[in-house]
Amino acid sequence: MARLLIVLAVGVIAFTVFTTVYSATADKTKVRALPKWAWVALCLLVPIVGGALYLWLGRPLREGGGGKPQRKPTAPDDDPRFLRDMQRRLRDQNKKRRKKNDEDDKK
């Protein structure tokens, strides 16, 4: 039983430190619902509830607003810019190879 209480206490302390630091480092112009100082105080004075409320209601929204977040391509062959650059490089290599073959044929 004592071990469970120790684990819970460490969890509460870690969550409190995380939410307090997270709220303290947020841009004060983008924090929602309450002023930034109020969120920091709430996270410190009411550990679990204050931190949960900040994460739910107070933290700044992502840039670009709501909706689905933009996912970056996960592999190079899924990235259109990479594929475009690869095609350009292949064309350049083929031109160089043809030019070299033409020069070799003239000799």
N, C-alpha and C. Protein backbone atom coordinates (compact mmCIF):
# COMPACT_ATOMS: atom_id res chain seq x y z
N MET A 1 0.82 -1.20 0.00
CA MET A 1 0.00 0.00 0.00
C MET A 1 0.87 1.26 0.00
N ALA A 2 1.95 1.20 0.75
CA ALA A 2 2.83 2.36 0.84
C ALA A 2 3.49 2.64 -0.52
N ARG A 3 3.84 1.57 -1.23
CA ARG A 3 4.46 1.75 -2.55
C ARG A 3 3.49 2.43 -3.51
N LEU A 4 2.23 2.04 -3.46
CA LEU A 4 1.22 2.65 -4.33
C LEU A 4 1.09 4.14 -4.03
N LEU A 5 1.09 4.49 -2.75
CA LEU A 5 0.99 5.90 -2.37
C LEU A 5 2.22 6.68 -2.84
N ILE A 6 3.39 6.07 -2.76
CA ILE A 6 4.60 6.73 -3.23
C ILE A 6 4.54 6.95 -4.74
N VAL A 7 4.11 5.94 -5.47
CA VAL A 7 4.00 6.05 -6.93
C VAL A 7 2.98 7.13 -7.30
N LEU A 8 1.85 7.14 -6.61
CA LEU A 8 0.83 8.17 -6.88
C LEU A 8 1.35 9.57 -6.55
N ALA A 9 2.07 9.70 -5.44
CA ALA A 9 2.61 11.01 -5.07
C ALA A 9 3.62 11.50 -6.10
N VAL A 10 4.48 10.60 -6.57
CA VAL A 10 5.45 10.98 -7.60
C VAL A 10 4.73 11.37 -8.88
N GLY A 11 3.68 10.64 -9.23
CA GLY A 11 2.90 10.96 -10.43
C GLY A 11 2.24 12.33 -10.33
N VAL A 12 1.67 12.62 -9.17
CA VAL A 12 1.02 13.93 -8.96
C VAL A 12 2.06 15.05 -9.02
N ILE A 13 3.20 14.84 -8.41
CA ILE A 13 4.25 15.86 -8.43
C ILE A 13 4.76 16.07 -9.86
N ALA A 14 4.97 15.00 -10.59
CA ALA A 14 5.45 15.12 -11.97
C ALA A 14 4.43 15.84 -12.84
N PHE A 15 3.14 15.49 -12.69
CA PHE A 15 2.10 16.14 -13.47
C PHE A 15 2.00 17.62 -13.11
N THR A 16 2.12 17.93 -11.83
CA THR A 16 2.05 19.33 -11.39
C THR A 16 3.22 20.13 -11.94
N VAL A 17 4.41 19.57 -11.88
CA VAL A 17 5.58 20.27 -12.42
C VAL A 17 5.42 20.47 -13.92
N PHE A 18 4.99 19.41 -14.62
CA PHE A 18 4.82 19.51 -16.07
C PHE A 18 3.82 20.59 -16.44
N THR A 19 2.63 20.56 -15.85
CA THR A 19 1.60 21.53 -16.23
C THR A 19 1.98 22.95 -15.81
N THR A 20 2.66 23.08 -14.68
CA THR A 20 3.08 24.42 -14.24
C THR A 20 4.11 25.00 -15.20
N VAL A 21 5.09 24.21 -15.56
CA VAL A 21 6.12 24.68 -16.49
C VAL A 21 5.51 24.93 -17.87
N TYR A 22 4.62 24.04 -18.29
CA TYR A 22 3.97 24.19 -19.60
C TYR A 22 3.15 25.47 -19.65
N SER A 23 2.42 25.76 -18.57
CA SER A 23 1.62 26.99 -18.56
C SER A 23 2.50 28.23 -18.40
N ALA A 24 3.60 28.12 -17.66
CA ALA A 24 4.47 29.27 -17.45
C ALA A 24 5.25 29.64 -18.71
N THR A 25 5.53 28.67 -19.57
CA THR A 25 6.31 28.96 -20.78
C THR A 25 5.45 29.27 -21.99
N ALA A 26 4.14 29.20 -21.83
CA ALA A 26 3.24 29.49 -22.96
C ALA A 26 3.24 30.99 -23.26
N ASP A 27 2.95 31.33 -24.50
CA ASP A 27 2.84 32.72 -24.91
C ASP A 27 1.60 33.32 -24.26
N LYS A 28 1.79 34.40 -23.50
CA LYS A 28 0.67 34.96 -22.73
C LYS A 28 -0.45 35.50 -23.62
N THR A 29 -0.15 35.82 -24.86
CA THR A 29 -1.19 36.33 -25.75
C THR A 29 -2.04 35.21 -26.35
N LYS A 30 -1.59 33.97 -26.23
CA LYS A 30 -2.32 32.85 -26.84
C LYS A 30 -2.99 31.94 -25.83
N VAL A 31 -2.73 32.16 -24.53
CA VAL A 31 -3.38 31.35 -23.50
C VAL A 31 -4.85 31.70 -23.46
N ARG A 32 -5.70 30.68 -23.32
CA ARG A 32 -7.14 30.89 -23.39
C ARG A 32 -7.79 30.90 -22.00
N ALA A 33 -8.98 31.47 -21.92
CA ALA A 33 -9.90 31.43 -20.79
C ALA A 33 -9.46 32.27 -19.58
N LEU A 34 -8.25 32.16 -19.12
CA LEU A 34 -7.76 32.92 -17.97
C LEU A 34 -6.41 33.54 -18.32
N PRO A 35 -5.99 34.55 -17.54
CA PRO A 35 -4.65 35.08 -17.76
C PRO A 35 -3.59 34.02 -17.43
N LYS A 36 -2.43 34.19 -17.98
CA LYS A 36 -1.36 33.21 -17.81
C LYS A 36 -1.01 33.02 -16.33
N TRP A 37 -0.90 34.11 -15.57
CA TRP A 37 -0.55 34.00 -14.16
C TRP A 37 -1.59 33.20 -13.39
N ALA A 38 -2.85 33.31 -13.78
CA ALA A 38 -3.90 32.56 -13.09
C ALA A 38 -3.77 31.06 -13.35
N TRP A 39 -3.40 30.70 -14.59
CA TRP A 39 -3.21 29.28 -14.90
C TRP A 39 -2.03 28.71 -14.13
N VAL A 40 -0.95 29.48 -14.04
CA VAL A 40 0.22 29.00 -13.28
C VAL A 40 -0.16 28.79 -11.82
N ALA A 41 -0.86 29.76 -11.24
CA ALA A 41 -1.29 29.63 -9.84
C ALA A 41 -2.24 28.45 -9.66
N LEU A 42 -3.17 28.27 -10.59
CA LEU A 42 -4.12 27.17 -10.51
C LEU A 42 -3.40 25.82 -10.60
N CYS A 43 -2.44 25.73 -11.49
CA CYS A 43 -1.68 24.47 -11.62
C CYS A 43 -0.89 24.16 -10.36
N LEU A 44 -0.39 25.19 -9.69
CA LEU A 44 0.38 24.97 -8.46
C LEU A 44 -0.51 24.68 -7.26
N LEU A 45 -1.60 25.41 -7.13
CA LEU A 45 -2.43 25.31 -5.92
C LEU A 45 -3.45 24.18 -5.95
N VAL A 46 -3.90 23.80 -7.13
CA VAL A 46 -4.86 22.70 -7.25
C VAL A 46 -4.25 21.70 -8.24
N PRO A 47 -3.32 20.87 -7.79
CA PRO A 47 -2.47 20.10 -8.69
C PRO A 47 -3.16 19.32 -9.80
N ILE A 48 -3.96 18.37 -9.54
CA ILE A 48 -4.52 17.53 -10.60
C ILE A 48 -5.59 18.29 -11.40
N VAL A 49 -6.52 18.90 -10.70
CA VAL A 49 -7.63 19.58 -11.36
C VAL A 49 -7.15 20.81 -12.13
N GLY A 50 -6.27 21.60 -11.53
CA GLY A 50 -5.77 22.79 -12.20
C GLY A 50 -5.00 22.46 -13.46
N GLY A 51 -4.14 21.45 -13.38
CA GLY A 51 -3.38 21.04 -14.55
C GLY A 51 -4.25 20.48 -15.65
N ALA A 52 -5.24 19.66 -15.25
CA ALA A 52 -6.15 19.09 -16.24
C ALA A 52 -6.98 20.19 -16.91
N LEU A 53 -7.44 21.15 -16.14
CA LEU A 53 -8.20 22.26 -16.73
C LEU A 53 -7.34 23.09 -17.68
N TYR A 54 -6.08 23.30 -17.31
CA TYR A 54 -5.21 24.05 -18.21
C TYR A 54 -5.02 23.31 -19.53
N LEU A 55 -4.76 22.01 -19.45
CA LEU A 55 -4.56 21.23 -20.68
C LEU A 55 -5.82 21.20 -21.52
N TRP A 56 -6.98 21.21 -20.87
CA TRP A 56 -8.24 21.10 -21.60
C TRP A 56 -8.72 22.46 -22.10
N LEU A 57 -8.66 23.48 -21.25
CA LEU A 57 -9.27 24.77 -21.60
C LEU A 57 -8.29 25.92 -21.83
N GLY A 58 -7.10 25.86 -21.25
CA GLY A 58 -6.25 27.03 -21.26
C GLY A 58 -5.10 27.04 -22.23
N ARG A 59 -4.60 25.88 -22.60
CA ARG A 59 -3.40 25.88 -23.44
C ARG A 59 -3.68 26.47 -24.81
N PRO A 60 -2.67 27.10 -25.40
CA PRO A 60 -2.84 27.70 -26.73
C PRO A 60 -3.16 26.63 -27.78
N LEU A 61 -4.00 27.01 -28.73
CA LEU A 61 -4.31 26.10 -29.81
C LEU A 61 -3.16 26.07 -30.80
N ARG A 62 -3.10 25.01 -31.58
CA ARG A 62 -2.06 24.91 -32.60
C ARG A 62 -2.28 25.97 -33.66
N GLU A 63 -1.18 26.32 -34.33
CA GLU A 63 -1.28 27.25 -35.44
C GLU A 63 -2.13 26.62 -36.53
N GLY A 64 -2.94 27.40 -37.21
CA GLY A 64 -3.77 26.87 -38.28
C GLY A 64 -5.17 26.53 -37.81
N GLY A 65 -5.45 26.70 -36.52
CA GLY A 65 -6.79 26.47 -36.01
C GLY A 65 -7.14 25.01 -35.87
N GLY A 66 -8.44 24.75 -35.90
CA GLY A 66 -8.94 23.40 -35.68
C GLY A 66 -8.79 22.52 -36.90
N GLY A 67 -9.58 21.49 -36.93
CA GLY A 67 -9.50 20.55 -38.04
C GLY A 67 -8.40 19.54 -37.83
N LYS A 68 -8.20 18.74 -38.83
CA LYS A 68 -7.16 17.72 -38.73
C LYS A 68 -5.79 18.37 -38.89
N PRO A 69 -4.84 17.96 -38.06
CA PRO A 69 -3.49 18.51 -38.23
C PRO A 69 -2.85 18.00 -39.50
N GLN A 70 -2.04 18.85 -40.11
CA GLN A 70 -1.33 18.47 -41.33
C GLN A 70 -0.27 17.45 -40.98
N ARG A 71 -0.24 16.33 -41.68
CA ARG A 71 0.78 15.32 -41.46
C ARG A 71 1.86 15.47 -42.51
N LYS A 72 3.08 15.44 -42.06
CA LYS A 72 4.20 15.49 -42.99
C LYS A 72 4.41 14.09 -43.54
N PRO A 73 4.92 14.00 -44.75
CA PRO A 73 5.21 12.67 -45.30
C PRO A 73 6.19 11.93 -44.40
N THR A 74 5.96 10.64 -44.27
CA THR A 74 6.80 9.87 -43.36
C THR A 74 8.00 9.24 -44.07
N ALA A 75 7.92 9.06 -45.36
CA ALA A 75 9.02 8.46 -46.09
C ALA A 75 9.34 9.34 -47.30
N PRO A 76 10.58 9.30 -47.77
CA PRO A 76 10.94 10.16 -48.91
C PRO A 76 10.10 9.89 -50.15
N ASP A 77 9.70 8.65 -50.37
CA ASP A 77 8.94 8.37 -51.58
C ASP A 77 7.49 8.85 -51.48
N ASP A 78 7.09 9.37 -50.31
CA ASP A 78 5.76 9.96 -50.16
C ASP A 78 5.79 11.49 -50.27
N ASP A 79 6.98 12.04 -50.33
CA ASP A 79 7.14 13.49 -50.35
C ASP A 79 7.19 13.98 -51.80
N PRO A 80 6.20 14.77 -52.24
CA PRO A 80 6.17 15.22 -53.63
C PRO A 80 7.40 16.06 -54.02
N ARG A 81 7.90 16.86 -53.11
CA ARG A 81 9.08 17.68 -53.42
C ARG A 81 10.31 16.79 -53.65
N PHE A 82 10.45 15.76 -52.81
CA PHE A 82 11.57 14.84 -52.97
C PHE A 82 11.48 14.13 -54.32
N LEU A 83 10.28 13.69 -54.68
CA LEU A 83 10.11 12.98 -55.96
C LEU A 83 10.41 13.91 -57.14
N ARG A 84 9.97 15.17 -57.04
CA ARG A 84 10.23 16.14 -58.10
C ARG A 84 11.73 16.38 -58.25
N ASP A 85 12.42 16.53 -57.12
CA ASP A 85 13.87 16.73 -57.16
C ASP A 85 14.58 15.49 -57.71
N MET A 86 14.09 14.31 -57.36
CA MET A 86 14.69 13.08 -57.85
C MET A 86 14.55 12.98 -59.38
N GLN A 87 13.39 13.34 -59.91
CA GLN A 87 13.19 13.32 -61.36
C GLN A 87 14.13 14.30 -62.05
N ARG A 88 14.31 15.46 -61.45
CA ARG A 88 15.21 16.46 -62.03
C ARG A 88 16.65 15.95 -62.03
N ARG A 89 17.06 15.33 -60.93
CA ARG A 89 18.42 14.79 -60.87
C ARG A 89 18.63 13.67 -61.89
N LEU A 90 17.63 12.82 -62.07
CA LEU A 90 17.74 11.74 -63.06
C LEU A 90 17.87 12.31 -64.47
N ARG A 91 17.07 13.35 -64.78
CA ARG A 91 17.17 13.98 -66.10
C ARG A 91 18.55 14.57 -66.32
N ASP A 92 19.08 15.24 -65.30
CA ASP A 92 20.42 15.83 -65.41
C ASP A 92 21.49 14.76 -65.61
N GLN A 93 21.38 13.67 -64.88
CA GLN A 93 22.35 12.59 -65.03
C GLN A 93 22.27 11.96 -66.42
N ASN A 94 21.06 11.77 -66.90
CA ASN A 94 20.89 11.20 -68.24
C ASN A 94 21.47 12.12 -69.32
N LYS A 95 21.29 13.43 -69.18
CA LYS A 95 21.86 14.39 -70.13
C LYS A 95 23.38 14.31 -70.12
N LYS A 96 23.96 14.25 -68.93
CA LYS A 96 25.41 14.16 -68.82
C LYS A 96 25.92 12.86 -69.44
N ARG A 97 25.20 11.77 -69.19
CA ARG A 97 25.62 10.48 -69.73
C ARG A 97 25.55 10.48 -71.25
N ARG A 98 24.47 11.04 -71.81
CA ARG A 98 24.34 11.12 -73.28
C ARG A 98 25.43 11.99 -73.88
N LYS A 99 25.70 13.11 -73.21
CA LYS A 99 26.73 14.01 -73.71
C LYS A 99 28.09 13.32 -73.69
N LYS A 100 28.38 12.58 -72.63
CA LYS A 100 29.66 11.87 -72.55
C LYS A 100 29.73 10.77 -73.60
N ASN A 101 28.63 10.05 -73.82
CA ASN A 101 28.60 9.00 -74.85
C ASN A 101 28.80 9.60 -76.24
N ASP A 102 28.19 10.74 -76.50
CA ASP A 102 28.37 11.41 -77.79
C ASP A 102 29.82 11.81 -78.00
N GLU A 103 30.45 12.33 -76.93
CA GLU A 103 31.87 12.71 -77.03
C GLU A 103 32.75 11.49 -77.27
N ASP A 104 32.44 10.38 -76.60
CA ASP A 104 33.22 9.15 -76.76
C ASP A 104 33.05 8.59 -78.19
N ASP A 105 31.85 8.70 -78.76
CA ASP A 105 31.61 8.21 -80.11
C ASP A 105 32.39 9.02 -81.15
N LYS A 106 32.59 10.31 -80.91
CA LYS A 106 33.33 11.16 -81.84
C LYS A 106 34.81 10.86 -81.85
N LYS A 107 35.32 10.30 -80.79
CA LYS A 107 36.77 10.03 -80.70
C LYS A 107 37.14 8.84 -81.46
